[in-house]
Structures are given as structure tokens and as C-alpha cells.
Amino acid sequence: MNAYFRLMRLNKPIGIYLLLWPTYWALFLSAGGWPDIDLLIIFTFGVIITRSAGCVINDYADRDIDKHIARTRDRPITAGEISPKAALLLFFALVLVAFALVLLTNTLTIKISFIALALAVLYPFSKRWTNLPQLILGLAFAMSVPMAFSAQTGTVTVSAGWIFLATVLWTLIYDTLYAMADRDEDLKIGVKSTAILFAKYDQIFITLLQILLMIVFIKIGNLFDLGAFYDISLIIILFFMIYHQFLIKKRQKMDYFKAFINNHFIGMTLFFGVFLSIAI
């Protein structure tokens, strides 16, 4: 498989899904139904391109770290398939394409996009100086929410803040699960994460974050007057969260990954709950 394709992680679309669902939550909720079709297309392609750019800059930043971790030592930059310079050129090219898409929206969305870019670039370097890189990733991913609201309505409402918060909490949960799988190796090489910060209390913190996320989801349902379909989606999400608790209780690396990947279904379930409540 092409090295550039793998560098952008297009062979592993889970990251696209995890970024796409909150974007769709925001687009449909801001529109109170179907968003403008042109915005739906712009944001869908924007998510794919932005996530690809994020993977490139992440692998560039981690090129000397990845070789010490079994799961990442075969990534294209670390393995010598792509030079760091070529990776940076690809990153800037992707950013330009993403910015061209943002230019098709409005002034406020363009301004917000600069904050989103700064957070996306900051994230891969943050794991060197803070135990909260997952929080920074959450903020970066959540920037799609105010961008969606501003593009659809021309403003960012207070209610958008609750969707923003939900996205940050959700990202913090699933990326901590991801970091828990790499915790032993990260400790050896000095990489920081919430998994290391939470230590033996990780399952307790995941539980608390899940409870907070459910509270925020309920608040969103009340703010946007969502109906029975949304309530059903929350019940299904609760069962997914309980399943994740059973997985991480085993404290096995592959089970952490299963819980991480399974979060895709949480995002999808909430979207269908929103969609069925307001768009049909």
C-alpha cells in the first residue's frame, strides 16, 4: 500500500469517523434539520483532509518516538519510506486544501479555522510537556462544532458550547483508552498522557468522564428539544459505555483498542438519534 496513503492513515478510517460524527451533530443541530447541502459536502471533505493532515504532522512530530513503540515503528516516516521534509510538504499541501474549503464558507468560520489549525499542530508536540495531550486533542476535534454553527447560522450560540463540551469529553475518553494500550512503552520513553496521569485509577476516571458525558448529552437533548429517538440513542450509548467498562477491566492491550474503536458506535448512535429527531 502506498506510503503516503498510510501516512495520512486513510487505510485506518476510524479517526475520520470519530471527527466526523461531532461535525454532523453540530451541522444538523445548528440547522434544526438538514444543513445546507454545500456545507455538508464541504465539512465532510474537510474532516477527511484535516484528519489526514493531523496524522501527517503527528507522525512528523513523533518520528523519533515511534521507533520505540512496537505498534508504530513501521509508520512511513519512522521506517524511512518518506522523508520528514516530504511529510511536511504534504502537511502544508493538505492544510492549503482544507483552507480552500473553509474559504467557501464565511468570515467567522475562517477566523475560527485558525484556532483549529493551531490546536491541531500543538497536539502532537504537547505529549512532551503535559499529561493532558488528550484534552488538547479534544479541543482540536471540538473546533468543528463552532465552525459548523458559524458556517450554517453565521454565529456561535451558547447551545453550541454544550456540543463542544460533549466532543471534548468524548475525545478525552476514547483517546485515553487508546493511550492506555501504549502506557507501558510511553512510560519507558517519557511520553506523557492522561493514561499515565490517571494511573491505577484510570477506570474510575473513565467512569466519571462517561457519567459527565451522559449528563451533557441529556442537556443537549433538552436544549434542542429532541424527542424519543434521541432518548433511545442515549440508552443504547449507555450500554456501549458499560461494555467498554467490561473491556478495560481485563487490562489487556487489545481490549483497550477494542474499547477505543467501539467509540465510533457512540458517535454514530448519537447522530442517528439527532437525525431521527429533527431531520425526518
Protein backbone atom coordinates (compact mmCIF):
# COMPACT_ATOMS: atom_id res chain seq x y z
CA MET A 1 0.00 0.00 0.00
CA ASN A 2 1.23 3.48 -0.88
CA ALA A 3 3.33 5.03 1.89
CA TYR A 4 1.64 8.43 1.61
CA PHE A 5 -1.77 6.75 1.85
CA ARG A 6 -0.63 5.07 5.07
CA LEU A 7 0.96 8.27 6.37
CA MET A 8 -2.43 10.00 6.09
CA ARG A 9 -3.91 6.92 7.80
CA LEU A 10 -6.52 6.58 5.04
CA ASN A 11 -6.18 2.82 5.46
CA LYS A 12 -7.46 3.27 9.04
CA PRO A 13 -10.57 5.47 8.79
CA ILE A 14 -11.55 5.23 12.47
CA GLY A 15 -10.10 8.71 13.10
CA ILE A 16 -12.24 10.12 10.29
CA TYR A 17 -15.37 8.66 11.86
CA LEU A 18 -14.51 9.99 15.31
CA LEU A 19 -14.06 13.50 13.92
CA LEU A 20 -16.98 13.29 11.50
CA TRP A 21 -19.74 12.42 13.98
CA PRO A 22 -19.44 15.56 16.17
CA THR A 23 -19.25 17.63 12.98
CA TYR A 24 -22.52 16.09 11.82
CA TRP A 25 -24.08 16.56 15.28
CA ALA A 26 -23.29 20.26 15.04
CA LEU A 27 -24.34 20.69 11.41
CA PHE A 28 -27.74 19.07 11.86
CA LEU A 29 -28.47 20.66 15.24
CA SER A 30 -27.45 24.13 14.07
CA ALA A 31 -29.77 23.76 11.07
CA GLY A 32 -32.60 22.23 13.07
CA GLY A 33 -32.78 19.58 10.37
CA TRP A 34 -30.90 19.09 7.14
CA PRO A 35 -27.98 21.55 6.84
CA ASP A 36 -27.18 23.25 3.56
CA ILE A 37 -26.00 20.55 1.17
CA ASP A 38 -22.95 22.55 0.12
CA LEU A 39 -21.89 22.79 3.78
CA LEU A 40 -22.46 19.08 4.28
CA ILE A 41 -20.11 18.38 1.37
CA ILE A 42 -17.54 21.00 2.47
CA PHE A 43 -17.37 19.72 6.04
CA THR A 44 -17.30 16.06 5.03
CA PHE A 45 -14.30 16.57 2.78
CA GLY A 46 -12.84 19.00 5.30
CA VAL A 47 -12.91 16.33 8.00
CA ILE A 48 -11.14 13.80 5.78
CA ILE A 49 -8.45 16.28 4.75
CA THR A 50 -7.99 17.76 8.23
CA ARG A 51 -7.68 14.35 9.86
CA SER A 52 -5.16 13.33 7.19
CA ALA A 53 -3.12 16.47 7.86
CA GLY A 54 -3.29 15.78 11.59
CA CYS A 55 -1.91 12.28 11.10
CA VAL A 56 0.95 13.62 8.98
CA ILE A 57 2.03 16.28 11.48
CA ASN A 58 1.60 13.78 14.33
CA ASP A 59 3.94 11.27 12.66
CA TYR A 60 6.39 14.05 11.84
CA ALA A 61 6.46 15.15 15.48
CA ASP A 62 6.74 11.56 16.72
CA ARG A 63 9.27 10.31 14.17
CA ASP A 64 11.91 9.71 16.86
CA ILE A 65 9.40 8.34 19.35
CA ASP A 66 7.53 5.90 17.11
CA LYS A 67 10.59 3.69 16.62
CA HIS A 68 10.48 2.77 20.32
CA ILE A 69 6.85 1.56 20.20
CA ALA A 70 6.05 -1.78 18.59
CA ARG A 71 2.72 -0.59 17.16
CA THR A 72 4.22 2.48 15.45
CA ARG A 73 7.76 1.59 14.42
CA ASP A 74 6.64 0.68 10.89
CA ARG A 75 5.00 4.03 10.18
CA PRO A 76 6.29 5.55 6.90
CA ILE A 77 8.49 8.34 8.32
CA THR A 78 10.00 6.22 11.09
CA ALA A 79 10.57 3.34 8.67
CA GLY A 80 12.36 5.65 6.22
CA GLU A 81 9.80 5.31 3.43
CA ILE A 82 9.04 9.04 3.49
CA SER A 83 11.45 11.79 4.49
CA PRO A 84 10.49 14.32 7.19
CA LYS A 85 10.76 17.10 4.59
CA ALA A 86 8.34 15.33 2.23
CA ALA A 87 5.94 14.77 5.10
CA LEU A 88 5.98 18.47 5.97
CA LEU A 89 5.31 19.40 2.34
CA LEU A 90 2.34 17.02 2.32
CA PHE A 91 1.06 18.54 5.56
CA PHE A 92 1.19 22.09 4.15
CA ALA A 93 -0.49 20.94 0.94
CA LEU A 94 -3.34 19.35 2.91
CA VAL A 95 -3.71 22.47 5.06
CA LEU A 96 -3.99 24.60 1.92
CA VAL A 97 -6.71 22.35 0.52
CA ALA A 98 -8.57 22.46 3.84
CA PHE A 99 -8.27 26.25 3.92
CA ALA A 100 -9.58 26.47 0.37
CA LEU A 101 -12.68 24.60 1.55
CA VAL A 102 -13.08 26.96 4.53
CA LEU A 103 -12.92 29.93 2.15
CA LEU A 104 -16.19 28.66 0.68
CA THR A 105 -17.96 29.43 3.98
CA ASN A 106 -17.94 32.82 5.76
CA THR A 107 -15.63 35.19 7.61
CA LEU A 108 -16.39 33.92 11.12
CA THR A 109 -15.75 30.30 10.13
CA ILE A 110 -12.46 31.32 8.51
CA LYS A 111 -11.36 33.05 11.73
CA ILE A 112 -12.26 30.03 13.86
CA SER A 113 -10.34 27.75 11.47
CA PHE A 114 -7.05 29.40 12.50
CA ILE A 115 -7.66 28.38 16.13
CA ALA A 116 -8.49 24.85 14.96
CA LEU A 117 -5.25 24.66 12.97
CA ALA A 118 -3.17 25.92 15.91
CA LEU A 119 -4.62 23.26 18.21
CA ALA A 120 -4.11 20.52 15.60
CA VAL A 121 -0.43 21.45 15.28
CA LEU A 122 0.02 21.83 19.04
CA TYR A 123 -1.41 18.42 19.93
CA PRO A 124 1.37 16.08 18.74
CA PHE A 125 4.04 18.15 20.49
CA SER A 126 2.06 18.53 23.72
CA LYS A 127 2.71 14.96 24.88
CA ARG A 128 6.27 16.05 25.67
CA TRP A 129 5.32 18.66 28.30
CA THR A 130 1.85 17.85 29.63
CA ASN A 131 -0.04 14.80 30.84
CA LEU A 132 -3.14 16.20 29.13
CA PRO A 133 -2.46 15.85 25.38
CA GLN A 134 -5.81 14.05 25.10
CA LEU A 135 -7.52 17.22 26.32
CA ILE A 136 -5.75 19.26 23.65
CA LEU A 137 -6.82 16.72 21.03
CA GLY A 138 -10.37 17.04 22.33
CA LEU A 139 -10.24 20.81 21.93
CA ALA A 140 -8.85 20.41 18.41
CA PHE A 141 -11.55 17.93 17.38
CA ALA A 142 -14.28 20.02 19.02
CA MET A 143 -13.41 23.08 16.93
CA SER A 144 -15.51 21.54 14.16
CA VAL A 145 -18.56 22.39 16.29
CA PRO A 146 -18.28 26.22 16.34
CA MET A 147 -17.14 26.10 12.72
CA ALA A 148 -20.28 24.15 11.76
CA PHE A 149 -22.54 26.54 13.67
CA SER A 150 -20.89 29.64 12.25
CA ALA A 151 -21.00 28.27 8.70
CA GLN A 152 -24.66 27.26 8.96
CA THR A 153 -26.07 30.17 11.01
CA GLY A 154 -23.45 32.93 10.89
CA THR A 155 -23.00 32.81 14.67
CA VAL A 156 -21.95 30.50 17.50
CA THR A 157 -24.69 30.07 20.08
CA VAL A 158 -24.42 29.10 23.76
CA SER A 159 -26.04 25.78 22.90
CA ALA A 160 -23.11 25.06 20.57
CA GLY A 161 -20.91 25.21 23.66
CA TRP A 162 -22.63 22.13 25.06
CA ILE A 163 -21.91 20.17 21.87
CA PHE A 164 -18.34 21.45 22.05
CA LEU A 165 -18.09 20.20 25.64
CA ALA A 166 -19.57 16.82 24.69
CA THR A 167 -16.97 16.45 21.94
CA VAL A 168 -14.10 17.32 24.29
CA LEU A 169 -15.30 14.84 26.93
CA TRP A 170 -15.89 12.09 24.38
CA THR A 171 -12.45 12.58 22.81
CA LEU A 172 -10.84 12.61 26.25
CA ILE A 173 -12.49 9.24 26.96
CA TYR A 174 -11.61 7.38 23.78
CA ASP A 175 -8.12 8.81 23.38
CA THR A 176 -7.33 7.91 27.00
CA LEU A 177 -8.41 4.35 26.16
CA TYR A 178 -6.05 4.50 23.18
CA ALA A 179 -3.22 5.78 25.39
CA MET A 180 -3.85 3.06 27.96
CA ALA A 181 -2.77 0.50 25.35
CA ASP A 182 0.61 2.26 24.96
CA ARG A 183 1.09 3.23 28.59
CA ASP A 184 3.96 0.83 29.44
CA GLU A 185 6.01 1.86 26.41
CA ASP A 186 5.20 5.56 26.89
CA LEU A 187 6.49 5.38 30.46
CA LYS A 188 9.80 3.97 29.25
CA ILE A 189 10.40 6.69 26.68
CA GLY A 190 8.99 9.62 28.68
CA VAL A 191 5.87 10.35 26.62
CA LYS A 192 3.04 11.83 28.70
CA SER A 193 -0.69 11.04 28.59
CA THR A 194 -3.88 11.01 30.64
CA ALA A 195 -3.47 7.22 30.89
CA ILE A 196 -0.23 7.81 32.79
CA LEU A 197 -1.78 10.64 34.81
CA PHE A 198 -4.76 8.52 35.88
CA ALA A 199 -2.51 5.50 36.60
CA LYS A 200 -4.29 2.75 38.57
CA TYR A 201 -7.37 4.94 38.90
CA ASP A 202 -7.88 5.02 35.13
CA GLN A 203 -11.12 3.01 35.15
CA ILE A 204 -12.59 5.30 37.81
CA PHE A 205 -11.73 8.39 35.76
CA ILE A 206 -13.16 6.83 32.60
CA THR A 207 -16.37 6.09 34.53
CA LEU A 208 -16.59 9.67 35.83
CA LEU A 209 -15.99 11.08 32.34
CA GLN A 210 -18.65 8.79 30.90
CA ILE A 211 -21.15 9.99 33.52
CA LEU A 212 -20.31 13.62 32.71
CA LEU A 213 -20.70 12.92 29.00
CA MET A 214 -24.14 11.36 29.53
CA ILE A 215 -25.21 14.41 31.56
CA VAL A 216 -24.08 16.71 28.74
CA PHE A 217 -25.86 14.55 26.15
CA ILE A 218 -29.07 14.85 28.20
CA LYS A 219 -28.59 18.63 28.42
CA ILE A 220 -28.20 18.79 24.63
CA GLY A 221 -31.44 16.85 24.20
CA ASN A 222 -33.25 19.35 26.42
CA LEU A 223 -31.71 22.42 24.77
CA PHE A 224 -32.67 21.33 21.28
CA ASP A 225 -35.98 19.75 22.33
CA LEU A 226 -35.04 16.38 20.88
CA GLY A 227 -37.55 13.59 21.15
CA ALA A 228 -37.93 9.89 21.80
CA PHE A 229 -35.47 8.74 19.13
CA TYR A 230 -32.74 10.77 20.82
CA ASP A 231 -33.65 9.32 24.22
CA ILE A 232 -33.42 5.81 22.77
CA SER A 233 -29.99 6.63 21.34
CA LEU A 234 -28.80 7.63 24.83
CA ILE A 235 -29.96 4.31 26.26
CA ILE A 236 -28.02 2.46 23.55
CA ILE A 237 -24.96 4.61 24.26
CA LEU A 238 -25.20 3.73 27.94
CA PHE A 239 -24.95 0.04 27.05
CA PHE A 240 -21.89 0.75 24.88
CA MET A 241 -20.25 2.50 27.83
CA ILE A 242 -20.98 -0.44 30.13
CA TYR A 243 -19.44 -2.74 27.52
CA HIS A 244 -16.32 -0.57 27.48
CA GLN A 245 -16.08 -0.87 31.24
CA PHE A 246 -16.08 -4.66 30.97
CA LEU A 247 -13.37 -4.48 28.30
CA ILE A 248 -10.97 -2.25 30.22
CA LYS A 249 -11.49 -4.20 33.42
CA LYS A 250 -9.44 -7.01 31.81
CA ARG A 251 -6.47 -4.61 31.47
CA GLN A 252 -5.37 -6.14 28.18
CA LYS A 253 -3.85 -4.02 25.40
CA MET A 254 -6.14 -5.35 22.67
CA ASP A 255 -9.21 -4.79 24.83
CA TYR A 256 -8.24 -1.14 25.27
CA PHE A 257 -8.09 -0.86 21.48
CA LYS A 258 -11.47 -2.58 21.16
CA ALA A 259 -13.00 -0.05 23.53
CA PHE A 260 -11.34 2.81 21.63
CA ILE A 261 -12.58 1.65 18.22
CA ASN A 262 -16.04 0.83 19.55
CA ASN A 263 -16.48 4.50 20.47
CA HIS A 264 -17.25 5.03 16.80
CA PHE A 265 -20.65 3.48 17.51
CA ILE A 266 -21.31 6.00 20.27
CA GLY A 267 -20.82 8.88 17.86
CA MET A 268 -22.88 7.18 15.16
CA THR A 269 -25.70 6.29 17.57
CA LEU A 270 -25.96 9.85 18.85
CA PHE A 271 -26.03 11.16 15.28
CA PHE A 272 -28.89 8.88 14.32
CA GLY A 273 -30.69 9.93 17.50
CA VAL A 274 -30.33 13.58 16.42
CA PHE A 275 -31.15 12.84 12.78
CA LEU A 276 -34.31 10.85 13.51
CA SER A 277 -35.46 13.53 15.97
CA ILE A 278 -35.11 16.57 13.73
CA ALA A 279 -34.38 15.69 10.11
CA ILE A 280 -37.25 13.40 9.11
